[in-house]
C-alpha cells in the first residue's frame, strides 16, 4: 500500500543507508579523550560491526520506490466547508421539533445559520512512497 510522505522527506532506504554509514564511521574513527568510556562499547561490539552483523537488528529493505509528487494547489482554488459543517435547522424543521418536544424542556436558544469562512489551509507537497521489507 503506498503512503504519501513530504516531497523533500528522506525514504526509509536513504535513512537506513545514512544510519549504517554513521555506525561504520563511528567505529572507524579514534575515540576522543573526553569519551574514552566508549572504548569498552567498541570492543564489546567489534565483531558485530566488523562482520556487519549489526544489520541483522534492522528490517532488511528489499526495495523501495518513490512515485509522483503531488501537484500545486491552483492559486484561484476556492475552499469549501460543506463537508464538515454541522447541519443548520430550517424554520420548518424548528416547528416540527418544537411540536414534538415538551414545553418544559428549558430555554429555547437561537440557531445561527451564518456560514463561517473556511479556515486558511496550507497543503504540503507529497510524494508516493512504497517500501518492501524482507
C-alpha atoms as a PDB file:
ATOM      1  CA  UNK A   1       0.000   0.000   0.000  1.00  0.00           C
ATOM      2  CA  UNK A   2       1.514   3.323  -0.959  1.00  0.00           C
ATOM      3  CA  UNK A   3       1.884   6.084   1.574  1.00  0.00           C
ATOM      4  CA  UNK A   4       2.395   9.774   0.967  1.00  0.00           C
ATOM      5  CA  UNK A   5       5.374  11.478   2.551  1.00  0.00           C
ATOM      6  CA  UNK A   6       6.606  15.052   2.358  1.00  0.00           C
ATOM      7  CA  UNK A   7       8.144  15.750  -1.051  1.00  0.00           C
ATOM      8  CA  UNK A   8      11.546  16.536   0.470  1.00  0.00           C
ATOM      9  CA  UNK A   9      11.462  13.749   3.110  1.00  0.00           C
ATOM     10  CA  UNK A  10      14.052  11.008   3.084  1.00  0.00           C
ATOM     11  CA  UNK A  11      12.896   7.489   2.256  1.00  0.00           C
ATOM     12  CA  UNK A  12      13.365   4.525   4.587  1.00  0.00           C
ATOM     13  CA  UNK A  13      16.196   3.282   2.366  1.00  0.00           C
ATOM     14  CA  UNK A  14      18.020   6.626   2.486  1.00  0.00           C
ATOM     15  CA  UNK A  15      17.627   6.851   6.253  1.00  0.00           C
ATOM     16  CA  UNK A  16      18.890   3.302   6.756  1.00  0.00           C
ATOM     17  CA  UNK A  17      21.919   3.833   4.495  1.00  0.00           C
ATOM     18  CA  UNK A  18      22.826   7.017   6.379  1.00  0.00           C
ATOM     19  CA  UNK A  19      22.432   5.210   9.713  1.00  0.00           C
ATOM     20  CA  UNK A  20      24.663   2.314   8.634  1.00  0.00           C
ATOM     21  CA  UNK A  21      27.253   4.750   7.299  1.00  0.00           C
ATOM     22  CA  UNK A  22      27.200   6.616  10.624  1.00  0.00           C
ATOM     23  CA  UNK A  23      27.754   3.352  12.538  1.00  0.00           C
ATOM     24  CA  UNK A  24      30.702   2.445  10.299  1.00  0.00           C
ATOM     25  CA  UNK A  25      32.237   5.918  10.693  1.00  0.00           C
ATOM     26  CA  UNK A  26      31.842   5.805  14.479  1.00  0.00           C
ATOM     27  CA  UNK A  27      33.725   2.520  14.680  1.00  0.00           C
ATOM     28  CA  UNK A  28      36.481   3.573  12.264  1.00  0.00           C
ATOM     29  CA  UNK A  29      37.270   6.878  13.998  1.00  0.00           C
ATOM     30  CA  UNK A  30      39.512   7.089  17.015  1.00  0.00           C
ATOM     31  CA  UNK A  31      37.715   7.837  20.244  1.00  0.00           C
ATOM     32  CA  UNK A  32      38.317  11.361  21.588  1.00  0.00           C
ATOM     33  CA  UNK A  33      39.979  11.656  25.006  1.00  0.00           C
ATOM     34  CA  UNK A  34      36.838  13.061  26.626  1.00  0.00           C
ATOM     35  CA  UNK A  35      34.834   9.985  25.503  1.00  0.00           C
ATOM     36  CA  UNK A  36      37.189   7.142  26.408  1.00  0.00           C
ATOM     37  CA  UNK A  37      34.284   5.390  28.150  1.00  0.00           C
ATOM     38  CA  UNK A  38      33.074   4.374  24.680  1.00  0.00           C
ATOM     39  CA  UNK A  39      36.168   2.177  24.134  1.00  0.00           C
ATOM     40  CA  UNK A  40      34.588  -0.705  26.089  1.00  0.00           C
ATOM     41  CA  UNK A  41      31.449  -0.419  23.928  1.00  0.00           C
ATOM     42  CA  UNK A  42      33.533  -0.525  20.765  1.00  0.00           C
ATOM     43  CA  UNK A  43      35.484  -3.546  21.996  1.00  0.00           C
ATOM     44  CA  UNK A  44      32.347  -5.380  23.090  1.00  0.00           C
ATOM     45  CA  UNK A  45      30.615  -4.967  19.707  1.00  0.00           C
ATOM     46  CA  UNK A  46      33.634  -5.038  17.366  1.00  0.00           C
ATOM     47  CA  UNK A  47      32.590  -8.390  15.819  1.00  0.00           C
ATOM     48  CA  UNK A  48      29.096  -7.069  15.061  1.00  0.00           C
ATOM     49  CA  UNK A  49      30.469  -4.114  13.178  1.00  0.00           C
ATOM     50  CA  UNK A  50      33.393  -5.948  11.594  1.00  0.00           C
ATOM     51  CA  UNK A  51      31.143  -8.590  10.022  1.00  0.00           C
ATOM     52  CA  UNK A  52      28.265  -6.131   9.523  1.00  0.00           C
ATOM     53  CA  UNK A  53      26.049  -8.330  11.709  1.00  0.00           C
ATOM     54  CA  UNK A  54      24.516  -5.217  13.285  1.00  0.00           C
ATOM     55  CA  UNK A  55      22.338  -5.014  10.148  1.00  0.00           C
ATOM     56  CA  UNK A  56      20.518  -8.143  11.379  1.00  0.00           C
ATOM     57  CA  UNK A  57      18.911  -5.974  14.066  1.00  0.00           C
ATOM     58  CA  UNK A  58      17.167  -3.849  11.417  1.00  0.00           C
ATOM     59  CA  UNK A  59      14.435  -4.722   8.944  1.00  0.00           C
ATOM     60  CA  UNK A  60      16.091  -5.532   5.634  1.00  0.00           C
ATOM     61  CA  UNK A  61      14.763  -3.375   2.812  1.00  0.00           C
ATOM     62  CA  UNK A  62      14.148  -5.440  -0.290  1.00  0.00           C
ATOM     63  CA  UNK A  63      13.240  -2.450  -2.419  1.00  0.00           C
ATOM     64  CA  UNK A  64      11.703   0.996  -2.111  1.00  0.00           C
ATOM     65  CA  UNK A  65      10.042   3.195  -4.686  1.00  0.00           C
ATOM     66  CA  UNK A  66       9.313   6.912  -4.944  1.00  0.00           C
ATOM     67  CA  UNK A  67       6.369   7.980  -7.068  1.00  0.00           C
ATOM     68  CA  UNK A  68       4.974  11.209  -8.399  1.00  0.00           C
ATOM     69  CA  UNK A  69       4.968  14.432  -6.405  1.00  0.00           C
ATOM     70  CA  UNK A  70       1.543  15.973  -5.826  1.00  0.00           C
ATOM     71  CA  UNK A  71       0.506  18.962  -7.886  1.00  0.00           C
ATOM     72  CA  UNK A  72       0.455  22.511  -6.562  1.00  0.00           C
ATOM     73  CA  UNK A  73      -2.919  23.823  -5.399  1.00  0.00           C
ATOM     74  CA  UNK A  74      -4.038  26.373  -8.008  1.00  0.00           C
ATOM     75  CA  UNK A  75      -3.893  29.976  -6.812  1.00  0.00           C
ATOM     76  CA  UNK A  76      -7.538  30.531  -7.798  1.00  0.00           C
ATOM     77  CA  UNK A  77      -8.811  27.427  -5.916  1.00  0.00           C
ATOM     78  CA  UNK A  78     -11.741  28.019  -3.573  1.00  0.00           C
ATOM     79  CA  UNK A  79     -12.028  26.127  -0.284  1.00  0.00           C
ATOM     80  CA  UNK A  80     -15.494  24.958   0.863  1.00  0.00           C
ATOM     81  CA  UNK A  81     -16.659  23.966   4.341  1.00  0.00           C
ATOM     82  CA  UNK A  82     -19.640  21.900   3.159  1.00  0.00           C
ATOM     83  CA  UNK A  83     -18.315  18.515   4.234  1.00  0.00           C
ATOM     84  CA  UNK A  84     -17.580  19.325   7.877  1.00  0.00           C
ATOM     85  CA  UNK A  85     -20.336  21.859   8.682  1.00  0.00           C
ATOM     86  CA  UNK A  86     -22.924  20.891  11.251  1.00  0.00           C
ATOM     87  CA  UNK A  87     -26.419  20.875   9.774  1.00  0.00           C
ATOM     88  CA  UNK A  88     -28.430  24.013  10.456  1.00  0.00           C
ATOM     89  CA  UNK A  89     -32.109  23.963  11.359  1.00  0.00           C
ATOM     90  CA  UNK A  90     -34.595  25.389   8.903  1.00  0.00           C
ATOM     91  CA  UNK A  91     -37.742  27.127  10.108  1.00  0.00           C
ATOM     92  CA  UNK A  92     -39.911  24.129   9.051  1.00  0.00           C
ATOM     93  CA  UNK A  93     -37.721  21.725  10.966  1.00  0.00           C
ATOM     94  CA  UNK A  94     -37.777  24.003  14.055  1.00  0.00           C
ATOM     95  CA  UNK A  95     -41.571  23.937  14.046  1.00  0.00           C
ATOM     96  CA  UNK A  96     -41.703  20.139  13.891  1.00  0.00           C
ATOM     97  CA  UNK A  97     -39.055  19.824  16.623  1.00  0.00           C
ATOM     98  CA  UNK A  98     -40.905  22.255  18.892  1.00  0.00           C
ATOM     99  CA  UNK A  99     -44.188  20.347  18.404  1.00  0.00           C
ATOM    100  CA  UNK A 100     -42.570  17.045  19.278  1.00  0.00           C
ATOM    101  CA  UNK A 101     -40.766  18.230  22.422  1.00  0.00           C
ATOM    102  CA  UNK A 102     -42.139  19.091  25.859  1.00  0.00           C
ATOM    103  CA  UNK A 103     -42.696  22.751  26.679  1.00  0.00           C
ATOM    104  CA  UNK A 104     -40.841  22.441  29.990  1.00  0.00           C
ATOM    105  CA  UNK A 105     -37.550  21.373  28.373  1.00  0.00           C
ATOM    106  CA  UNK A 106     -35.723  24.624  29.047  1.00  0.00           C
ATOM    107  CA  UNK A 107     -34.983  27.907  27.438  1.00  0.00           C
ATOM    108  CA  UNK A 108     -35.002  27.956  23.633  1.00  0.00           C
ATOM    109  CA  UNK A 109     -31.757  29.136  22.084  1.00  0.00           C
ATOM    110  CA  UNK A 110     -31.395  30.770  18.646  1.00  0.00           C
ATOM    111  CA  UNK A 111     -29.684  28.702  15.952  1.00  0.00           C
ATOM    112  CA  UNK A 112     -27.024  30.502  13.956  1.00  0.00           C
ATOM    113  CA  UNK A 113     -27.380  29.899  10.235  1.00  0.00           C
ATOM    114  CA  UNK A 114     -24.402  32.055   9.301  1.00  0.00           C
ATOM    115  CA  UNK A 115     -21.648  30.178   7.498  1.00  0.00           C
ATOM    116  CA  UNK A 116     -18.189  30.726   8.920  1.00  0.00           C
ATOM    117  CA  UNK A 117     -15.490  31.355   6.349  1.00  0.00           C
ATOM    118  CA  UNK A 118     -13.248  28.410   5.606  1.00  0.00           C
ATOM    119  CA  UNK A 119     -10.027  28.487   7.594  1.00  0.00           C
ATOM    120  CA  UNK A 120      -6.871  29.032   5.570  1.00  0.00           C
ATOM    121  CA  UNK A 121      -5.272  25.724   4.709  1.00  0.00           C
ATOM    122  CA  UNK A 122      -1.734  25.104   3.523  1.00  0.00           C
ATOM    123  CA  UNK A 123      -1.105  21.880   1.633  1.00  0.00           C
ATOM    124  CA  UNK A 124       2.371  20.382   1.682  1.00  0.00           C
ATOM    125  CA  UNK A 125       3.661  18.771  -1.475  1.00  0.00           C
ATOM    126  CA  UNK A 126       3.704  14.997  -1.051  1.00  0.00           C
ATOM    127  CA  UNK A 127       5.157  12.092  -2.962  1.00  0.00           C
ATOM    128  CA  UNK A 128       4.033   8.491  -3.185  1.00  0.00           C
ATOM    129  CA  UNK A 129       6.310   6.012  -1.491  1.00  0.00           C
ATOM    130  CA  UNK A 130       6.367   2.224  -1.224  1.00  0.00           C
ATOM    131  CA  UNK A 131       8.801   0.048   0.656  1.00  0.00           C
ATOM    132  CA  UNK A 132       9.136  -3.755   0.796  1.00  0.00           C
ATOM    133  CA  UNK A 133      10.918  -5.350   3.752  1.00  0.00           C
ATOM    134  CA  UNK A 134      12.247  -8.918   3.894  1.00  0.00           C
END
